[in-house]
């Protein structure tokens, strides 16, 4: 079904893809996105690989209603994850298109 040359080409492309994905992950580790509550009292900073780098919580919230704190944590975290997902997906899509340009057609 596959000729020897075709199989070797495919294996070379897969090696290229693995290297490109590894490079993309390194690049994503240096891209930061933030998710913030509407009141700006909670802020998450995530890298492009969706790892939390920083969490800031307004001191007043720590002494306030537990349910409000939980709601704000969830909202701001989900916003940060959404933004990190967008950055991550676009970076990996561009990586794939660079290795396999025929995918974009």
Protein backbone atom coordinates (compact mmCIF):
# COMPACT_ATOMS: atom_id res chain seq x y z
CA UNK A 1 0.00 0.00 0.00
CA UNK A 2 2.78 2.43 0.94
CA UNK A 3 6.03 2.45 -0.95
CA UNK A 4 9.28 2.47 1.00
CA UNK A 5 9.98 6.09 0.01
CA UNK A 6 6.46 7.20 0.96
CA UNK A 7 6.78 5.56 4.37
CA UNK A 8 10.18 7.19 4.96
CA UNK A 9 8.77 10.57 3.94
CA UNK A 10 5.84 10.11 6.30
CA UNK A 11 8.15 9.16 9.18
CA UNK A 12 10.33 12.21 8.46
CA UNK A 13 7.22 14.44 8.46
CA UNK A 14 6.12 12.96 11.79
CA UNK A 15 9.55 13.65 13.30
CA UNK A 16 9.34 17.22 11.98
CA UNK A 17 5.89 17.55 13.53
CA UNK A 18 7.09 16.28 16.92
CA UNK A 19 9.93 18.81 16.92
CA UNK A 20 7.60 21.60 15.84
CA UNK A 21 5.07 20.74 18.57
CA UNK A 22 7.84 20.69 21.20
CA UNK A 23 8.97 24.13 20.00
CA UNK A 24 5.39 25.41 20.09
CA UNK A 25 4.98 24.23 23.69
CA UNK A 26 8.14 26.11 24.65
CA UNK A 27 6.82 29.22 22.91
CA UNK A 28 3.42 28.85 24.61
CA UNK A 29 5.13 28.69 28.02
CA UNK A 30 6.22 32.31 27.42
CA UNK A 31 2.80 33.62 26.39
CA UNK A 32 0.61 34.82 29.25
CA UNK A 33 -3.14 35.35 29.26
CA UNK A 34 -5.24 36.64 32.09
CA UNK A 35 -8.74 36.04 33.31
CA UNK A 36 -10.25 38.65 35.53
CA UNK A 37 -13.54 38.94 37.37
CA UNK A 38 -15.77 41.79 36.22
CA UNK A 39 -15.13 43.65 39.45
CA UNK A 40 -11.38 43.15 38.88
CA UNK A 41 -10.97 41.75 42.39
CA UNK A 42 -9.67 38.36 41.21
CA UNK A 43 -7.15 37.76 38.45
CA UNK A 44 -5.55 34.61 37.09
CA UNK A 45 -2.52 34.59 34.82
CA UNK A 46 -2.00 31.41 32.79
CA UNK A 47 0.60 30.55 30.20
CA UNK A 48 -0.33 29.33 26.74
CA UNK A 49 -0.03 25.74 27.99
CA UNK A 50 -2.86 26.45 30.47
CA UNK A 51 -0.64 26.42 33.57
CA UNK A 52 -1.45 28.92 36.34
CA UNK A 53 1.38 31.39 36.78
CA UNK A 54 -0.26 33.85 39.17
CA UNK A 55 -3.45 34.32 41.17
CA UNK A 56 -4.40 37.64 42.74
CA UNK A 57 -7.31 37.97 45.15
CA UNK A 58 -8.37 41.30 46.64
CA UNK A 59 -7.84 41.17 50.42
CA UNK A 60 -11.41 42.30 51.09
CA UNK A 61 -12.75 39.22 49.30
CA UNK A 62 -10.87 36.92 51.63
CA UNK A 63 -12.93 38.27 54.53
CA UNK A 64 -16.24 38.36 52.67
CA UNK A 65 -18.94 35.95 51.59
CA UNK A 66 -17.50 32.52 50.75
CA UNK A 67 -20.08 31.91 47.98
CA UNK A 68 -19.21 35.22 46.31
CA UNK A 69 -15.51 34.36 46.44
CA UNK A 70 -16.14 30.94 44.90
CA UNK A 71 -18.30 32.42 42.12
CA UNK A 72 -15.67 35.03 41.25
CA UNK A 73 -12.88 32.43 41.30
CA UNK A 74 -14.81 30.21 38.89
CA UNK A 75 -15.75 33.04 36.51
CA UNK A 76 -12.23 34.47 36.30
CA UNK A 77 -10.60 31.05 35.99
CA UNK A 78 -12.93 30.00 33.17
CA UNK A 79 -12.15 33.25 31.34
CA UNK A 80 -8.42 32.62 31.67
CA UNK A 81 -8.79 29.01 30.44
CA UNK A 82 -10.88 30.17 27.48
CA UNK A 83 -8.19 32.66 26.45
CA UNK A 84 -5.39 30.14 26.98
CA UNK A 85 -7.28 27.55 24.89
CA UNK A 86 -7.59 30.06 22.05
CA UNK A 87 -3.86 30.87 22.11
CA UNK A 88 -2.91 27.18 22.40
CA UNK A 89 -5.18 25.99 19.58
CA UNK A 90 -4.00 28.71 17.19
CA UNK A 91 -0.33 28.05 17.91
CA UNK A 92 -0.69 24.31 17.36
CA UNK A 93 -2.80 24.83 14.22
CA UNK A 94 -0.11 27.11 12.78
CA UNK A 95 2.53 24.55 13.69
CA UNK A 96 0.63 21.80 11.87
CA UNK A 97 0.14 24.00 8.80
CA UNK A 98 3.86 24.80 8.71
CA UNK A 99 4.76 21.10 8.72
CA UNK A 100 1.85 19.94 6.53
CA UNK A 101 0.94 22.94 4.33
CA UNK A 102 -1.43 20.79 2.30
CA UNK A 103 -3.76 20.66 5.34
CA UNK A 104 -4.70 24.29 4.77
CA UNK A 105 -6.10 23.65 1.31
